[in-house]
Amino acid sequence: MTRVLTSRQRSSLKSKAHHLGPIVRLGVAGLSTAFVKEVERALSDHELIKVRIDIEDRQARDAAGDELCERTDAARVQRVGKTLVLWRPRPEE
């Protein structure tokens, strides 16, 4: 299940993510289990991350971003070019 953000939440998260650099990079290997685990770890540590998706085809890039959101239960905050901003609240201890 993909999380849904309100426009106010999305705007606030965009401003927080502006200064961030991409933490993980999706390349030729695609959405491997190891890559998804690394995104899971980054989301647990930081809540708000940028992911660089190095796929040339725009539709394939969008599909990879959608699948990543589904597999990590994260919300897509923004996508600009090949950079995707994801947010997921930290799990309760």
N, C-alpha and C. Protein backbone atom coordinates (compact mmCIF):
# COMPACT_ATOMS: atom_id res chain seq x y z
N MET A 1 0.85 -1.18 0.00
CA MET A 1 0.00 0.00 0.00
C MET A 1 0.89 1.24 0.00
N THR A 2 0.68 2.12 -0.94
CA THR A 2 1.46 3.35 -1.04
C THR A 2 0.81 4.43 -0.19
N ARG A 3 1.64 5.16 0.52
CA ARG A 3 1.14 6.24 1.37
C ARG A 3 0.73 7.43 0.49
N VAL A 4 -0.25 8.20 0.97
CA VAL A 4 -0.73 9.37 0.26
C VAL A 4 -0.49 10.59 1.15
N LEU A 5 0.06 11.64 0.57
CA LEU A 5 0.35 12.87 1.31
C LEU A 5 -0.60 13.98 0.87
N THR A 6 -0.91 14.87 1.81
CA THR A 6 -1.68 16.05 1.45
C THR A 6 -0.74 17.04 0.77
N SER A 7 -1.29 18.04 0.11
CA SER A 7 -0.44 19.02 -0.57
C SER A 7 0.40 19.81 0.43
N ARG A 8 -0.13 20.06 1.60
CA ARG A 8 0.63 20.78 2.64
C ARG A 8 1.81 19.93 3.14
N GLN A 9 1.57 18.64 3.37
CA GLN A 9 2.65 17.75 3.80
C GLN A 9 3.71 17.65 2.71
N ARG A 10 3.26 17.50 1.47
CA ARG A 10 4.18 17.37 0.34
C ARG A 10 5.05 18.63 0.21
N SER A 11 4.46 19.79 0.36
CA SER A 11 5.20 21.04 0.25
C SER A 11 6.25 21.16 1.35
N SER A 12 5.87 20.79 2.56
CA SER A 12 6.81 20.84 3.69
C SER A 12 7.98 19.87 3.48
N LEU A 13 7.68 18.67 3.02
CA LEU A 13 8.73 17.68 2.79
C LEU A 13 9.63 18.07 1.62
N LYS A 14 9.09 18.69 0.59
CA LYS A 14 9.91 19.16 -0.52
C LYS A 14 10.94 20.16 -0.05
N SER A 15 10.52 21.10 0.82
CA SER A 15 11.46 22.10 1.30
C SER A 15 12.54 21.47 2.18
N LYS A 16 12.19 20.44 2.95
CA LYS A 16 13.19 19.75 3.77
C LYS A 16 14.15 18.94 2.92
N ALA A 17 13.68 18.41 1.80
CA ALA A 17 14.50 17.55 0.95
C ALA A 17 15.39 18.33 -0.01
N HIS A 18 15.15 19.62 -0.14
CA HIS A 18 15.85 20.42 -1.15
C HIS A 18 17.37 20.30 -1.02
N HIS A 19 17.89 20.35 0.18
CA HIS A 19 19.34 20.35 0.37
C HIS A 19 19.95 18.95 0.41
N LEU A 20 19.14 17.91 0.41
CA LEU A 20 19.64 16.54 0.49
C LEU A 20 20.26 16.10 -0.84
N GLY A 21 21.22 15.20 -0.74
CA GLY A 21 21.76 14.55 -1.92
C GLY A 21 21.23 13.13 -1.98
N PRO A 22 21.29 12.50 -3.16
CA PRO A 22 20.81 11.11 -3.27
C PRO A 22 21.61 10.17 -2.38
N ILE A 23 20.92 9.34 -1.63
CA ILE A 23 21.57 8.39 -0.73
C ILE A 23 21.86 7.08 -1.45
N VAL A 24 20.93 6.63 -2.27
CA VAL A 24 21.11 5.38 -3.02
C VAL A 24 20.87 5.64 -4.49
N ARG A 25 21.45 4.78 -5.32
CA ARG A 25 21.35 4.93 -6.76
C ARG A 25 20.91 3.62 -7.38
N LEU A 26 19.83 3.68 -8.14
CA LEU A 26 19.31 2.51 -8.85
C LEU A 26 19.93 2.50 -10.24
N GLY A 27 20.66 1.41 -10.53
CA GLY A 27 21.34 1.32 -11.81
C GLY A 27 20.82 0.19 -12.67
N VAL A 28 21.75 -0.43 -13.37
CA VAL A 28 21.42 -1.47 -14.34
C VAL A 28 20.85 -2.72 -13.67
N ALA A 29 21.24 -2.99 -12.44
CA ALA A 29 20.78 -4.21 -11.75
C ALA A 29 19.28 -4.17 -11.47
N GLY A 30 18.70 -2.98 -11.43
CA GLY A 30 17.26 -2.88 -11.20
C GLY A 30 16.92 -2.98 -9.73
N LEU A 31 15.66 -3.25 -9.48
CA LEU A 31 15.16 -3.31 -8.11
C LEU A 31 15.45 -4.67 -7.48
N SER A 32 16.69 -4.91 -7.16
CA SER A 32 17.06 -6.16 -6.51
C SER A 32 16.64 -6.12 -5.05
N THR A 33 16.63 -7.27 -4.43
CA THR A 33 16.28 -7.36 -3.02
C THR A 33 17.26 -6.56 -2.17
N ALA A 34 18.53 -6.60 -2.52
CA ALA A 34 19.55 -5.86 -1.78
C ALA A 34 19.31 -4.35 -1.88
N PHE A 35 18.94 -3.89 -3.06
CA PHE A 35 18.67 -2.46 -3.24
C PHE A 35 17.48 -2.03 -2.39
N VAL A 36 16.41 -2.81 -2.40
CA VAL A 36 15.21 -2.48 -1.63
C VAL A 36 15.54 -2.48 -0.14
N LYS A 37 16.36 -3.44 0.32
CA LYS A 37 16.77 -3.46 1.73
C LYS A 37 17.56 -2.21 2.09
N GLU A 38 18.41 -1.75 1.19
CA GLU A 38 19.19 -0.54 1.45
C GLU A 38 18.28 0.69 1.54
N VAL A 39 17.28 0.77 0.69
CA VAL A 39 16.31 1.86 0.75
C VAL A 39 15.51 1.78 2.05
N GLU A 40 15.12 0.57 2.45
CA GLU A 40 14.42 0.37 3.71
C GLU A 40 15.26 0.88 4.88
N ARG A 41 16.54 0.53 4.89
CA ARG A 41 17.43 0.97 5.96
C ARG A 41 17.56 2.48 5.97
N ALA A 42 17.72 3.07 4.80
CA ALA A 42 17.85 4.53 4.72
C ALA A 42 16.58 5.23 5.18
N LEU A 43 15.44 4.71 4.81
CA LEU A 43 14.17 5.31 5.26
C LEU A 43 13.99 5.17 6.77
N SER A 44 14.40 4.05 7.32
CA SER A 44 14.31 3.86 8.77
C SER A 44 15.22 4.82 9.51
N ASP A 45 16.39 5.10 8.94
CA ASP A 45 17.36 6.00 9.58
C ASP A 45 17.00 7.47 9.40
N HIS A 46 16.52 7.84 8.21
CA HIS A 46 16.38 9.26 7.86
C HIS A 46 14.95 9.74 7.63
N GLU A 47 14.01 8.87 7.39
CA GLU A 47 12.62 9.18 7.04
C GLU A 47 12.46 9.79 5.65
N LEU A 48 13.30 10.74 5.30
CA LEU A 48 13.19 11.47 4.04
C LEU A 48 14.49 11.28 3.27
N ILE A 49 14.41 10.68 2.07
CA ILE A 49 15.62 10.40 1.30
C ILE A 49 15.41 10.74 -0.17
N LYS A 50 16.53 10.91 -0.86
CA LYS A 50 16.52 11.04 -2.31
C LYS A 50 17.14 9.78 -2.91
N VAL A 51 16.53 9.32 -3.99
CA VAL A 51 17.01 8.15 -4.71
C VAL A 51 17.27 8.57 -6.15
N ARG A 52 18.42 8.23 -6.67
CA ARG A 52 18.75 8.52 -8.07
C ARG A 52 18.43 7.28 -8.89
N ILE A 53 17.59 7.43 -9.91
CA ILE A 53 17.20 6.31 -10.77
C ILE A 53 17.83 6.53 -12.14
N ASP A 54 18.89 5.78 -12.42
CA ASP A 54 19.64 5.94 -13.67
C ASP A 54 19.10 5.03 -14.77
N ILE A 55 17.84 5.24 -15.12
CA ILE A 55 17.21 4.53 -16.23
C ILE A 55 16.82 5.59 -17.25
N GLU A 56 17.20 5.40 -18.49
CA GLU A 56 16.97 6.41 -19.52
C GLU A 56 15.50 6.56 -19.91
N ASP A 57 14.79 5.45 -20.03
CA ASP A 57 13.40 5.49 -20.47
C ASP A 57 12.51 6.06 -19.36
N ARG A 58 11.78 7.12 -19.66
CA ARG A 58 10.96 7.80 -18.66
C ARG A 58 9.88 6.90 -18.08
N GLN A 59 9.21 6.12 -18.92
CA GLN A 59 8.15 5.25 -18.43
C GLN A 59 8.71 4.16 -17.52
N ALA A 60 9.86 3.61 -17.88
CA ALA A 60 10.50 2.59 -17.04
C ALA A 60 10.96 3.19 -15.71
N ARG A 61 11.43 4.44 -15.77
CA ARG A 61 11.86 5.15 -14.55
C ARG A 61 10.67 5.37 -13.62
N ASP A 62 9.54 5.81 -14.18
CA ASP A 62 8.33 6.00 -13.37
C ASP A 62 7.85 4.67 -12.78
N ALA A 63 7.88 3.61 -13.58
CA ALA A 63 7.45 2.30 -13.10
C ALA A 63 8.35 1.81 -11.98
N ALA A 64 9.66 2.02 -12.11
CA ALA A 64 10.60 1.60 -11.06
C ALA A 64 10.35 2.40 -9.79
N GLY A 65 10.07 3.69 -9.91
CA GLY A 65 9.76 4.52 -8.75
C GLY A 65 8.48 4.08 -8.06
N ASP A 66 7.45 3.77 -8.85
CA ASP A 66 6.19 3.29 -8.29
C ASP A 66 6.37 1.96 -7.57
N GLU A 67 7.13 1.05 -8.17
CA GLU A 67 7.36 -0.25 -7.56
C GLU A 67 8.17 -0.10 -6.27
N LEU A 68 9.14 0.81 -6.27
CA LEU A 68 9.94 1.05 -5.07
C LEU A 68 9.06 1.59 -3.94
N CYS A 69 8.15 2.49 -4.26
CA CYS A 69 7.22 3.01 -3.25
C CYS A 69 6.36 1.89 -2.69
N GLU A 70 5.87 1.01 -3.56
CA GLU A 70 5.04 -0.12 -3.13
C GLU A 70 5.81 -1.06 -2.22
N ARG A 71 7.03 -1.42 -2.62
CA ARG A 71 7.80 -2.40 -1.87
C ARG A 71 8.32 -1.87 -0.55
N THR A 72 8.46 -0.55 -0.41
CA THR A 72 8.98 0.01 0.84
C THR A 72 7.90 0.70 1.67
N ASP A 73 6.68 0.75 1.17
CA ASP A 73 5.57 1.44 1.83
C ASP A 73 5.92 2.90 2.10
N ALA A 74 6.54 3.54 1.11
CA ALA A 74 6.93 4.94 1.23
C ALA A 74 6.06 5.80 0.32
N ALA A 75 6.01 7.08 0.65
CA ALA A 75 5.25 8.03 -0.16
C ALA A 75 6.20 8.74 -1.11
N ARG A 76 5.77 8.90 -2.35
CA ARG A 76 6.54 9.68 -3.31
C ARG A 76 6.24 11.14 -3.05
N VAL A 77 7.26 11.87 -2.65
CA VAL A 77 7.11 13.29 -2.38
C VAL A 77 7.25 14.08 -3.68
N GLN A 78 8.27 13.74 -4.45
CA GLN A 78 8.56 14.50 -5.66
C GLN A 78 9.45 13.67 -6.57
N ARG A 79 9.33 13.90 -7.87
CA ARG A 79 10.26 13.34 -8.84
C ARG A 79 10.65 14.45 -9.79
N VAL A 80 11.94 14.71 -9.86
CA VAL A 80 12.47 15.70 -10.79
C VAL A 80 13.54 15.00 -11.60
N GLY A 81 13.27 14.82 -12.87
CA GLY A 81 14.24 14.12 -13.72
C GLY A 81 14.45 12.69 -13.23
N LYS A 82 15.70 12.39 -12.88
CA LYS A 82 16.04 11.04 -12.42
C LYS A 82 16.11 10.94 -10.91
N THR A 83 15.72 11.99 -10.21
CA THR A 83 15.78 12.00 -8.75
C THR A 83 14.38 11.86 -8.16
N LEU A 84 14.26 10.93 -7.24
CA LEU A 84 12.99 10.64 -6.59
C LEU A 84 13.15 10.90 -5.10
N VAL A 85 12.21 11.63 -4.51
CA VAL A 85 12.22 11.89 -3.08
C VAL A 85 11.15 11.02 -2.43
N LEU A 86 11.57 10.23 -1.43
CA LEU A 86 10.67 9.32 -0.73
C LEU A 86 10.60 9.69 0.74
N TRP A 87 9.43 9.46 1.34
CA TRP A 87 9.23 9.70 2.76
C TRP A 87 8.44 8.56 3.37
N ARG A 88 8.88 8.16 4.55
CA ARG A 88 8.16 7.16 5.34
C ARG A 88 8.47 7.45 6.80
N PRO A 89 7.46 7.55 7.66
CA PRO A 89 7.75 7.84 9.07
C PRO A 89 8.54 6.70 9.70
N ARG A 90 9.36 7.07 10.68
CA ARG A 90 10.13 6.05 11.40
C ARG A 90 9.17 5.12 12.14
N PRO A 91 9.51 3.83 12.17
CA PRO A 91 8.64 2.89 12.89
C PRO A 91 8.68 3.16 14.39
N GLU A 92 7.56 2.94 15.03
CA GLU A 92 7.47 3.09 16.48
C GLU A 92 8.34 2.03 17.15
N GLU A 93 9.03 2.40 18.18
CA GLU A 93 9.92 1.45 18.89
C GLU A 93 9.13 0.51 19.76
